[in-house]
Amino acid sequence: MKMLTAIIKPFKLDAVREALADIGVQGMTVTEVRGFGRQKGHTELYRGAEYTVDLLPKIKLEVALPEDMIDRAVEAIQSAAKTGQIGDGKIFISTLEQTVRIRTGETGDGAV
């Protein structure tokens, strides 16, 4: 089992969710987060005063997948989330030691 974590732009969430559903992903966790990378934020004007927005809104997706689905999921996220602009996001893949479904006690792939 692998844990795929993706940080994407908020307006790309629906496209990424649909792309993952198309390849058979049945569930994911979505969190609204804030952060910065190479974008480093931007300045805005509010009531005549300029201020800096250092942390930009992002969406964090977490999906537990069998190893044989990881490559398809990465491709689906890349194609759906890509705008070609700085700040498109990142995908992180890590190994899950064990997965347990609380309701039934199933473990491993069956728990996802």
N, C-alpha and C. Protein backbone atom coordinates (compact mmCIF):
# COMPACT_ATOMS: atom_id res chain seq x y z
N MET A 1 0.83 -1.18 0.00
CA MET A 1 0.00 0.00 0.00
C MET A 1 0.88 1.25 0.00
N LYS A 2 0.39 2.26 -0.67
CA LYS A 2 1.08 3.54 -0.73
C LYS A 2 0.11 4.66 -0.36
N MET A 3 0.66 5.73 0.20
CA MET A 3 -0.11 6.94 0.49
C MET A 3 0.33 8.00 -0.50
N LEU A 4 -0.59 8.46 -1.30
CA LEU A 4 -0.32 9.52 -2.26
C LEU A 4 -0.88 10.81 -1.68
N THR A 5 -0.01 11.80 -1.54
CA THR A 5 -0.41 13.11 -1.04
C THR A 5 -0.13 14.12 -2.13
N ALA A 6 -1.13 14.89 -2.51
CA ALA A 6 -0.97 15.90 -3.57
C ALA A 6 -1.40 17.25 -3.04
N ILE A 7 -0.61 18.26 -3.36
CA ILE A 7 -0.93 19.65 -3.04
C ILE A 7 -1.25 20.32 -4.38
N ILE A 8 -2.47 20.84 -4.53
CA ILE A 8 -2.91 21.40 -5.80
C ILE A 8 -3.58 22.76 -5.59
N LYS A 9 -3.81 23.45 -6.70
CA LYS A 9 -4.55 24.72 -6.64
C LYS A 9 -6.03 24.42 -6.37
N PRO A 10 -6.68 25.26 -5.56
CA PRO A 10 -8.07 24.98 -5.17
C PRO A 10 -9.05 24.81 -6.34
N PHE A 11 -8.91 25.60 -7.39
CA PHE A 11 -9.87 25.51 -8.49
C PHE A 11 -9.70 24.26 -9.34
N LYS A 12 -8.66 23.47 -9.09
CA LYS A 12 -8.43 22.23 -9.82
C LYS A 12 -8.98 21.00 -9.11
N LEU A 13 -9.57 21.19 -7.93
CA LEU A 13 -10.05 20.05 -7.14
C LEU A 13 -11.06 19.19 -7.89
N ASP A 14 -12.08 19.78 -8.49
CA ASP A 14 -13.11 18.99 -9.18
C ASP A 14 -12.52 18.19 -10.34
N ALA A 15 -11.62 18.79 -11.11
CA ALA A 15 -11.01 18.09 -12.24
C ALA A 15 -10.16 16.92 -11.76
N VAL A 16 -9.42 17.11 -10.69
CA VAL A 16 -8.58 16.03 -10.14
C VAL A 16 -9.45 14.93 -9.57
N ARG A 17 -10.50 15.30 -8.84
CA ARG A 17 -11.40 14.30 -8.26
C ARG A 17 -12.03 13.44 -9.36
N GLU A 18 -12.48 14.07 -10.44
CA GLU A 18 -13.08 13.33 -11.55
C GLU A 18 -12.06 12.43 -12.24
N ALA A 19 -10.83 12.93 -12.41
CA ALA A 19 -9.78 12.13 -13.06
C ALA A 19 -9.45 10.89 -12.22
N LEU A 20 -9.40 11.06 -10.90
CA LEU A 20 -9.14 9.91 -10.03
C LEU A 20 -10.31 8.94 -10.02
N ALA A 21 -11.53 9.45 -10.03
CA ALA A 21 -12.70 8.57 -10.08
C ALA A 21 -12.71 7.76 -11.38
N ASP A 22 -12.27 8.37 -12.47
CA ASP A 22 -12.24 7.69 -13.77
C ASP A 22 -11.29 6.50 -13.78
N ILE A 23 -10.24 6.52 -12.96
CA ILE A 23 -9.31 5.38 -12.93
C ILE A 23 -9.66 4.39 -11.82
N GLY A 24 -10.74 4.65 -11.07
CA GLY A 24 -11.20 3.69 -10.08
C GLY A 24 -10.89 4.01 -8.64
N VAL A 25 -10.41 5.21 -8.36
CA VAL A 25 -10.16 5.61 -6.97
C VAL A 25 -11.51 5.86 -6.31
N GLN A 26 -11.75 5.19 -5.18
CA GLN A 26 -13.06 5.25 -4.55
C GLN A 26 -13.16 6.23 -3.39
N GLY A 27 -12.04 6.67 -2.84
CA GLY A 27 -12.11 7.57 -1.71
C GLY A 27 -10.85 8.39 -1.57
N MET A 28 -10.99 9.54 -0.94
CA MET A 28 -9.85 10.42 -0.70
C MET A 28 -10.20 11.35 0.44
N THR A 29 -9.18 11.93 1.03
CA THR A 29 -9.35 12.94 2.05
C THR A 29 -8.89 14.26 1.48
N VAL A 30 -9.70 15.30 1.63
CA VAL A 30 -9.40 16.62 1.09
C VAL A 30 -9.32 17.60 2.26
N THR A 31 -8.24 18.37 2.28
CA THR A 31 -8.03 19.36 3.34
C THR A 31 -7.67 20.69 2.70
N GLU A 32 -8.27 21.77 3.19
CA GLU A 32 -7.88 23.10 2.75
C GLU A 32 -6.66 23.51 3.58
N VAL A 33 -5.58 23.84 2.89
CA VAL A 33 -4.34 24.21 3.56
C VAL A 33 -3.83 25.53 2.99
N ARG A 34 -2.79 26.07 3.61
CA ARG A 34 -2.15 27.28 3.12
C ARG A 34 -0.65 27.04 3.11
N GLY A 35 0.03 27.59 2.13
CA GLY A 35 1.47 27.41 2.08
C GLY A 35 2.08 28.21 0.94
N PHE A 36 3.38 28.04 0.79
CA PHE A 36 4.06 28.68 -0.33
C PHE A 36 5.27 27.85 -0.72
N GLY A 37 5.66 28.00 -1.94
CA GLY A 37 6.85 27.38 -2.48
C GLY A 37 7.60 28.44 -3.26
N ARG A 38 7.82 28.19 -4.50
CA ARG A 38 8.51 29.17 -5.34
C ARG A 38 7.64 30.39 -5.62
N GLN A 39 6.32 30.25 -5.45
CA GLN A 39 5.41 31.38 -5.67
C GLN A 39 5.70 32.53 -4.72
N LYS A 40 6.00 32.20 -3.48
CA LYS A 40 6.34 33.17 -2.44
C LYS A 40 5.24 34.20 -2.15
N GLY A 41 4.02 33.93 -2.50
CA GLY A 41 2.93 34.85 -2.21
C GLY A 41 2.84 36.00 -3.20
N HIS A 42 2.03 36.99 -2.87
CA HIS A 42 1.83 38.14 -3.73
C HIS A 42 1.32 39.32 -2.89
N THR A 43 1.28 40.50 -3.50
CA THR A 43 0.76 41.67 -2.79
C THR A 43 -0.63 41.99 -3.31
N GLU A 44 -1.48 42.50 -2.43
CA GLU A 44 -2.84 42.89 -2.79
C GLU A 44 -3.12 44.27 -2.21
N LEU A 45 -4.14 44.92 -2.77
CA LEU A 45 -4.54 46.24 -2.31
C LEU A 45 -5.91 46.11 -1.65
N TYR A 46 -6.03 46.55 -0.40
CA TYR A 46 -7.29 46.48 0.33
C TYR A 46 -7.54 47.84 0.99
N ARG A 47 -8.62 48.50 0.59
CA ARG A 47 -8.99 49.82 1.11
C ARG A 47 -7.82 50.81 1.06
N GLY A 48 -7.12 50.77 -0.05
CA GLY A 48 -6.04 51.71 -0.26
C GLY A 48 -4.72 51.32 0.36
N ALA A 49 -4.68 50.26 1.13
CA ALA A 49 -3.43 49.83 1.76
C ALA A 49 -2.93 48.56 1.08
N GLU A 50 -1.65 48.54 0.80
CA GLU A 50 -1.05 47.36 0.18
C GLU A 50 -0.58 46.42 1.27
N TYR A 51 -0.85 45.13 1.10
CA TYR A 51 -0.36 44.14 2.05
C TYR A 51 0.08 42.90 1.30
N THR A 52 0.92 42.11 1.95
CA THR A 52 1.50 40.92 1.33
C THR A 52 0.77 39.67 1.82
N VAL A 53 0.39 38.83 0.87
CA VAL A 53 -0.20 37.54 1.20
C VAL A 53 0.94 36.52 1.06
N ASP A 54 1.47 36.06 2.19
CA ASP A 54 2.61 35.14 2.16
C ASP A 54 2.20 33.70 1.96
N LEU A 55 1.10 33.29 2.58
CA LEU A 55 0.65 31.91 2.50
C LEU A 55 -0.57 31.84 1.59
N LEU A 56 -0.44 31.08 0.53
CA LEU A 56 -1.50 30.98 -0.47
C LEU A 56 -2.40 29.78 -0.20
N PRO A 57 -3.69 29.88 -0.51
CA PRO A 57 -4.59 28.75 -0.29
C PRO A 57 -4.28 27.61 -1.27
N LYS A 58 -4.26 26.40 -0.76
CA LYS A 58 -4.02 25.20 -1.55
C LYS A 58 -4.98 24.12 -1.06
N ILE A 59 -5.04 23.02 -1.81
CA ILE A 59 -5.81 21.85 -1.43
C ILE A 59 -4.85 20.68 -1.27
N LYS A 60 -5.01 19.95 -0.17
CA LYS A 60 -4.19 18.77 0.07
C LYS A 60 -5.08 17.54 -0.07
N LEU A 61 -4.71 16.65 -1.00
CA LEU A 61 -5.44 15.40 -1.21
C LEU A 61 -4.60 14.26 -0.64
N GLU A 62 -5.25 13.35 0.05
CA GLU A 62 -4.57 12.15 0.53
C GLU A 62 -5.37 10.95 0.07
N VAL A 63 -4.67 10.01 -0.58
CA VAL A 63 -5.33 8.82 -1.12
C VAL A 63 -4.46 7.61 -0.81
N ALA A 64 -5.04 6.61 -0.16
CA ALA A 64 -4.35 5.34 0.08
C ALA A 64 -4.67 4.42 -1.09
N LEU A 65 -3.62 3.89 -1.72
CA LEU A 65 -3.81 3.08 -2.94
C LEU A 65 -2.93 1.84 -2.93
N PRO A 66 -3.39 0.79 -3.62
CA PRO A 66 -2.49 -0.34 -3.86
C PRO A 66 -1.34 0.11 -4.77
N GLU A 67 -0.20 -0.52 -4.65
CA GLU A 67 0.97 -0.10 -5.42
C GLU A 67 0.73 -0.10 -6.93
N ASP A 68 -0.10 -1.01 -7.43
CA ASP A 68 -0.31 -1.08 -8.88
C ASP A 68 -1.15 0.08 -9.43
N MET A 69 -1.74 0.90 -8.57
CA MET A 69 -2.54 2.04 -9.04
C MET A 69 -1.80 3.37 -8.95
N ILE A 70 -0.64 3.39 -8.32
CA ILE A 70 0.06 4.64 -8.07
C ILE A 70 0.41 5.38 -9.36
N ASP A 71 1.00 4.68 -10.33
CA ASP A 71 1.42 5.36 -11.57
C ASP A 71 0.24 5.99 -12.30
N ARG A 72 -0.90 5.27 -12.36
CA ARG A 72 -2.09 5.82 -13.02
C ARG A 72 -2.63 7.03 -12.26
N ALA A 73 -2.59 6.96 -10.93
CA ALA A 73 -3.09 8.07 -10.12
C ALA A 73 -2.21 9.31 -10.29
N VAL A 74 -0.90 9.13 -10.32
CA VAL A 74 0.02 10.25 -10.52
C VAL A 74 -0.23 10.90 -11.88
N GLU A 75 -0.37 10.09 -12.92
CA GLU A 75 -0.65 10.62 -14.26
C GLU A 75 -1.97 11.37 -14.30
N ALA A 76 -3.00 10.83 -13.63
CA ALA A 76 -4.32 11.47 -13.62
C ALA A 76 -4.25 12.82 -12.92
N ILE A 77 -3.55 12.88 -11.79
CA ILE A 77 -3.44 14.15 -11.06
C ILE A 77 -2.64 15.15 -11.87
N GLN A 78 -1.53 14.71 -12.45
CA GLN A 78 -0.70 15.63 -13.24
C GLN A 78 -1.48 16.22 -14.41
N SER A 79 -2.21 15.39 -15.13
CA SER A 79 -2.93 15.90 -16.30
C SER A 79 -4.09 16.81 -15.91
N ALA A 80 -4.75 16.51 -14.78
CA ALA A 80 -5.92 17.30 -14.37
C ALA A 80 -5.52 18.60 -13.66
N ALA A 81 -4.40 18.61 -12.95
CA ALA A 81 -4.03 19.77 -12.13
C ALA A 81 -3.08 20.74 -12.83
N LYS A 82 -2.52 20.33 -13.94
CA LYS A 82 -1.50 21.16 -14.59
C LYS A 82 -2.10 22.38 -15.28
N THR A 83 -1.56 23.55 -14.95
CA THR A 83 -1.94 24.78 -15.65
C THR A 83 -0.76 25.34 -16.44
N GLY A 84 0.44 24.86 -16.11
CA GLY A 84 1.64 25.38 -16.75
C GLY A 84 2.20 26.60 -16.05
N GLN A 85 1.56 27.02 -14.98
CA GLN A 85 2.00 28.19 -14.22
C GLN A 85 2.70 27.73 -12.94
N ILE A 86 3.51 28.61 -12.39
CA ILE A 86 4.16 28.32 -11.13
C ILE A 86 3.10 28.12 -10.05
N GLY A 87 3.32 27.16 -9.16
CA GLY A 87 2.37 26.89 -8.08
C GLY A 87 1.36 25.80 -8.40
N ASP A 88 1.59 25.01 -9.46
CA ASP A 88 0.67 23.92 -9.79
C ASP A 88 0.62 22.86 -8.69
N GLY A 89 1.69 22.70 -7.94
CA GLY A 89 1.65 21.79 -6.79
C GLY A 89 2.70 20.71 -6.84
N LYS A 90 2.53 19.77 -5.95
CA LYS A 90 3.47 18.65 -5.79
C LYS A 90 2.69 17.39 -5.48
N ILE A 91 3.33 16.24 -5.76
CA ILE A 91 2.78 14.93 -5.40
C ILE A 91 3.85 14.20 -4.60
N PHE A 92 3.45 13.68 -3.45
CA PHE A 92 4.36 12.92 -2.60
C PHE A 92 3.80 11.50 -2.46
N ILE A 93 4.68 10.51 -2.51
CA ILE A 93 4.27 9.11 -2.37
C ILE A 93 5.07 8.49 -1.24
N SER A 94 4.38 7.88 -0.30
CA SER A 94 5.05 7.23 0.81
C SER A 94 4.44 5.84 1.02
N THR A 95 5.16 5.02 1.75
CA THR A 95 4.73 3.66 2.00
C THR A 95 3.87 3.60 3.25
N LEU A 96 2.78 2.85 3.17
CA LEU A 96 1.91 2.61 4.33
C LEU A 96 2.27 1.25 4.91
N GLU A 97 2.56 1.21 6.18
CA GLU A 97 2.91 -0.05 6.83
C GLU A 97 1.69 -0.95 6.99
N GLN A 98 0.58 -0.37 7.41
CA GLN A 98 -0.62 -1.16 7.62
C GLN A 98 -1.85 -0.26 7.52
N THR A 99 -2.94 -0.83 7.04
CA THR A 99 -4.21 -0.13 6.94
C THR A 99 -5.27 -1.00 7.63
N VAL A 100 -6.11 -0.38 8.45
CA VAL A 100 -7.16 -1.11 9.16
C VAL A 100 -8.48 -0.36 9.00
N ARG A 101 -9.51 -1.07 8.57
CA ARG A 101 -10.86 -0.49 8.54
C ARG A 101 -11.46 -0.64 9.93
N ILE A 102 -11.82 0.46 10.53
CA ILE A 102 -12.29 0.46 11.92
C ILE A 102 -13.56 -0.38 12.08
N ARG A 103 -14.51 -0.22 11.18
CA ARG A 103 -15.82 -0.88 11.32
C ARG A 103 -15.70 -2.40 11.30
N THR A 104 -14.91 -2.97 10.38
CA THR A 104 -14.87 -4.42 10.20
C THR A 104 -13.59 -5.08 10.70
N GLY A 105 -12.54 -4.29 10.89
CA GLY A 105 -11.27 -4.87 11.29
C GLY A 105 -10.45 -5.39 10.14
N GLU A 106 -10.93 -5.21 8.89
CA GLU A 106 -10.16 -5.65 7.72
C GLU A 106 -8.82 -4.91 7.69
N THR A 107 -7.82 -5.58 7.14
CA THR A 107 -6.49 -4.97 7.03
C THR A 107 -5.99 -5.05 5.59
N GLY A 108 -4.97 -4.27 5.29
CA GLY A 108 -4.35 -4.31 3.97
C GLY A 108 -5.23 -3.68 2.91
N ASP A 109 -5.12 -4.21 1.67
CA ASP A 109 -5.88 -3.68 0.53
C ASP A 109 -7.38 -3.72 0.77
N GLY A 110 -7.87 -4.70 1.48
CA GLY A 110 -9.29 -4.83 1.76
C GLY A 110 -9.84 -3.71 2.63
N ALA A 111 -8.96 -3.06 3.37
CA ALA A 111 -9.39 -1.97 4.26
C ALA A 111 -9.60 -0.66 3.52
N VAL A 112 -9.07 -0.57 2.31
CA VAL A 112 -9.21 0.66 1.54
C VAL A 112 -10.50 0.59 0.77
